[in-house]
């Protein structure tokens, strides 16, 4: 009885061949290109850090020096 109410599955479309890989990059790069790439990578690293570098806590708690824990005239 289950076969009466089940719709027939359509045949899947034929599989297309994979596209050809892009040609390999040239093996040698000029000094200017290497310098440009290294500057771009350094900029990416700086942006990646973002606010994470400003967070002063760790899994161990707040990382303060002993001097900052001393009482001040304005508050405790």
N, C-alpha and C. Protein backbone atom coordinates (compact mmCIF):
# COMPACT_ATOMS: atom_id res chain seq x y z
N UNK A 1 0.81 -1.18 0.00
CA UNK A 1 0.00 0.00 0.00
C UNK A 1 0.87 1.25 0.00
N UNK A 2 2.07 1.16 0.50
CA UNK A 2 2.95 2.31 0.54
C UNK A 2 3.42 2.73 -0.85
N UNK A 3 3.49 1.78 -1.77
CA UNK A 3 3.99 2.13 -3.10
C UNK A 3 2.96 2.90 -3.91
N UNK A 4 1.72 2.86 -3.54
CA UNK A 4 0.67 3.57 -4.28
C UNK A 4 0.78 5.07 -4.03
N UNK A 5 1.08 5.46 -2.79
CA UNK A 5 1.07 6.88 -2.43
C UNK A 5 2.43 7.56 -2.53
N UNK A 6 3.49 6.82 -2.79
CA UNK A 6 4.82 7.43 -2.91
C UNK A 6 5.01 7.94 -4.33
N UNK A 7 5.47 9.19 -4.45
CA UNK A 7 5.74 9.69 -5.81
C UNK A 7 7.03 9.07 -6.34
N UNK A 8 7.12 8.95 -7.63
CA UNK A 8 8.32 8.39 -8.24
C UNK A 8 9.41 9.45 -8.26
N UNK A 9 10.61 9.04 -7.93
CA UNK A 9 11.75 9.95 -7.90
C UNK A 9 12.21 10.23 -9.33
N UNK A 10 12.42 11.50 -9.65
CA UNK A 10 12.93 11.80 -11.00
C UNK A 10 14.40 11.38 -11.10
N UNK A 11 14.85 11.10 -12.29
CA UNK A 11 16.23 10.69 -12.48
C UNK A 11 17.14 11.91 -12.26
N UNK A 12 18.27 11.72 -11.62
CA UNK A 12 19.17 12.86 -11.38
C UNK A 12 19.80 13.33 -12.69
N UNK A 13 20.16 14.60 -12.77
CA UNK A 13 20.80 15.10 -13.99
C UNK A 13 22.18 14.47 -14.16
N UNK A 14 22.68 14.41 -15.38
CA UNK A 14 24.00 13.80 -15.59
C UNK A 14 25.09 14.64 -14.91
N UNK A 15 26.14 13.98 -14.47
CA UNK A 15 27.24 14.64 -13.78
C UNK A 15 28.13 15.35 -14.79
N UNK A 16 28.42 16.62 -14.52
CA UNK A 16 29.28 17.38 -15.42
C UNK A 16 30.74 17.14 -15.05
N UNK A 17 31.63 17.15 -16.02
CA UNK A 17 33.04 16.94 -15.70
C UNK A 17 33.59 18.13 -14.90
N UNK A 18 34.62 17.86 -14.10
CA UNK A 18 35.24 18.91 -13.30
C UNK A 18 35.95 19.92 -14.18
N UNK A 19 35.95 21.19 -13.79
CA UNK A 19 36.67 22.19 -14.59
C UNK A 19 38.17 21.96 -14.47
N UNK A 20 38.89 22.40 -15.48
CA UNK A 20 40.34 22.22 -15.48
C UNK A 20 40.96 23.13 -14.43
N UNK A 21 42.01 22.67 -13.75
CA UNK A 21 42.67 23.51 -12.74
C UNK A 21 43.32 24.72 -13.42
N UNK A 22 43.44 25.84 -12.70
CA UNK A 22 44.07 27.02 -13.30
C UNK A 22 45.55 26.76 -13.55
N UNK A 23 46.13 27.49 -14.48
CA UNK A 23 47.56 27.26 -14.75
C UNK A 23 48.41 27.64 -13.54
N UNK A 24 49.55 26.99 -13.42
CA UNK A 24 50.44 27.22 -12.28
C UNK A 24 51.02 28.63 -12.33
N UNK A 25 51.23 29.21 -11.16
CA UNK A 25 51.80 30.55 -11.08
C UNK A 25 53.28 30.49 -11.46
N UNK A 26 53.83 31.60 -11.92
CA UNK A 26 55.25 31.59 -12.26
C UNK A 26 56.10 31.32 -11.02
N UNK A 27 57.18 30.58 -11.20
CA UNK A 27 58.00 30.15 -10.08
C UNK A 27 58.80 31.31 -9.49
N UNK A 28 59.24 32.24 -10.32
CA UNK A 28 60.07 33.34 -9.84
C UNK A 28 59.25 34.62 -9.73
N UNK A 29 59.49 35.36 -8.65
CA UNK A 29 58.80 36.63 -8.45
C UNK A 29 59.85 37.71 -8.23
N UNK A 30 59.55 38.92 -8.66
CA UNK A 30 60.50 40.01 -8.48
C UNK A 30 60.52 40.44 -7.02
N UNK A 31 61.55 41.17 -6.65
CA UNK A 31 61.67 41.65 -5.27
C UNK A 31 60.52 42.58 -4.92
N UNK A 32 60.06 43.37 -5.87
CA UNK A 32 58.94 44.28 -5.62
C UNK A 32 57.67 43.51 -5.28
N UNK A 33 57.42 42.42 -6.03
CA UNK A 33 56.23 41.61 -5.77
C UNK A 33 56.32 40.93 -4.42
N UNK A 34 57.51 40.42 -4.07
CA UNK A 34 57.69 39.78 -2.77
C UNK A 34 57.47 40.77 -1.64
N UNK A 35 57.99 41.99 -1.81
CA UNK A 35 57.82 43.03 -0.78
C UNK A 35 56.35 43.42 -0.64
N UNK A 36 55.66 43.52 -1.76
CA UNK A 36 54.23 43.87 -1.75
C UNK A 36 53.42 42.79 -1.02
N UNK A 37 53.73 41.54 -1.30
CA UNK A 37 53.02 40.43 -0.67
C UNK A 37 53.29 40.40 0.83
N UNK A 38 54.54 40.63 1.23
CA UNK A 38 54.86 40.61 2.65
C UNK A 38 54.17 41.75 3.39
N UNK A 39 54.05 42.93 2.75
CA UNK A 39 53.34 44.05 3.37
C UNK A 39 51.86 43.73 3.53
N UNK A 40 51.27 43.10 2.51
CA UNK A 40 49.85 42.73 2.58
C UNK A 40 49.63 41.71 3.70
N UNK A 41 50.51 40.74 3.83
CA UNK A 41 50.37 39.73 4.88
C UNK A 41 50.53 40.35 6.27
N UNK A 42 51.44 41.32 6.41
CA UNK A 42 51.62 41.99 7.69
C UNK A 42 50.37 42.79 8.04
N UNK A 43 49.76 43.44 7.05
CA UNK A 43 48.54 44.20 7.30
C UNK A 43 47.40 43.27 7.71
N UNK A 44 47.33 42.12 7.09
CA UNK A 44 46.29 41.14 7.44
C UNK A 44 46.49 40.67 8.88
N UNK A 45 47.73 40.41 9.27
CA UNK A 45 48.01 39.98 10.65
C UNK A 45 47.61 41.06 11.65
N UNK A 46 47.91 42.33 11.34
CA UNK A 46 47.54 43.42 12.25
C UNK A 46 46.03 43.51 12.39
N UNK A 47 45.30 43.38 11.28
CA UNK A 47 43.85 43.46 11.34
C UNK A 47 43.25 42.25 12.05
N UNK A 48 43.90 41.10 11.94
CA UNK A 48 43.38 39.88 12.54
C UNK A 48 43.38 40.00 14.06
N UNK A 49 44.41 40.64 14.59
CA UNK A 49 44.50 40.78 16.04
C UNK A 49 43.33 41.61 16.56
N UNK A 50 43.08 42.76 15.96
CA UNK A 50 41.93 43.59 16.30
C UNK A 50 41.79 43.85 17.78
N UNK A 51 40.61 43.65 18.31
CA UNK A 51 40.33 43.91 19.71
C UNK A 51 40.89 42.83 20.62
N UNK A 52 41.22 41.69 20.07
CA UNK A 52 41.71 40.61 20.91
C UNK A 52 42.97 41.02 21.66
N UNK A 53 43.79 41.86 21.04
CA UNK A 53 45.02 42.27 21.70
C UNK A 53 44.76 43.26 22.83
N UNK A 54 43.57 43.88 22.87
CA UNK A 54 43.28 44.85 23.92
C UNK A 54 42.65 44.21 25.15
N UNK A 55 42.27 42.96 25.08
CA UNK A 55 41.65 42.28 26.21
C UNK A 55 42.74 41.95 27.22
N UNK A 56 42.55 42.39 28.46
CA UNK A 56 43.57 42.22 29.47
C UNK A 56 43.29 41.08 30.44
N UNK A 57 42.37 40.23 30.09
CA UNK A 57 42.08 39.10 30.96
C UNK A 57 42.55 37.81 30.29
N UNK A 58 42.66 36.78 31.08
CA UNK A 58 43.07 35.49 30.56
C UNK A 58 42.27 34.42 31.29
N UNK A 59 42.44 33.17 30.95
CA UNK A 59 41.74 32.12 31.70
C UNK A 59 42.12 32.11 33.18
N UNK A 60 43.25 32.72 33.52
CA UNK A 60 43.70 32.77 34.91
C UNK A 60 43.15 33.98 35.66
N UNK A 61 42.47 34.88 34.98
CA UNK A 61 41.90 36.07 35.61
C UNK A 61 42.52 37.34 35.06
N UNK A 62 42.29 38.44 35.77
CA UNK A 62 42.80 39.74 35.33
C UNK A 62 44.31 39.77 35.51
N UNK A 63 44.99 40.29 34.51
CA UNK A 63 46.44 40.37 34.56
C UNK A 63 46.83 41.81 34.89
N UNK A 64 46.95 42.13 36.17
CA UNK A 64 47.35 43.46 36.60
C UNK A 64 48.68 43.37 37.31
N UNK A 65 49.40 44.45 37.27
CA UNK A 65 50.64 44.48 38.03
C UNK A 65 50.31 44.80 39.48
N UNK A 66 51.24 44.55 40.36
CA UNK A 66 51.02 44.80 41.78
C UNK A 66 50.82 46.29 42.05
N UNK A 67 51.46 47.15 41.29
CA UNK A 67 51.36 48.59 41.50
C UNK A 67 49.94 49.08 41.28
N UNK A 68 49.23 48.53 40.33
CA UNK A 68 47.89 49.00 40.03
C UNK A 68 46.88 48.55 41.07
N UNK A 69 47.24 47.60 41.92
CA UNK A 69 46.33 47.11 42.95
C UNK A 69 46.39 47.96 44.23
N UNK A 70 47.38 48.88 44.32
CA UNK A 70 47.53 49.72 45.51
C UNK A 70 46.39 50.73 45.59
N UNK A 71 46.04 51.14 46.79
CA UNK A 71 45.00 52.13 46.98
C UNK A 71 45.47 53.49 46.47
N UNK A 72 44.52 54.26 45.95
CA UNK A 72 44.83 55.61 45.47
C UNK A 72 44.03 56.62 46.28
N UNK A 73 44.29 57.89 46.08
CA UNK A 73 43.58 58.92 46.81
C UNK A 73 42.13 59.04 46.33
N UNK A 74 41.86 58.73 45.08
CA UNK A 74 40.53 58.91 44.52
C UNK A 74 39.59 57.76 44.84
N UNK A 75 40.09 56.64 45.13
CA UNK A 75 39.23 55.49 45.41
C UNK A 75 40.05 54.30 45.82
N UNK A 76 39.36 53.25 46.10
CA UNK A 76 40.08 52.07 46.54
C UNK A 76 40.17 51.04 45.46
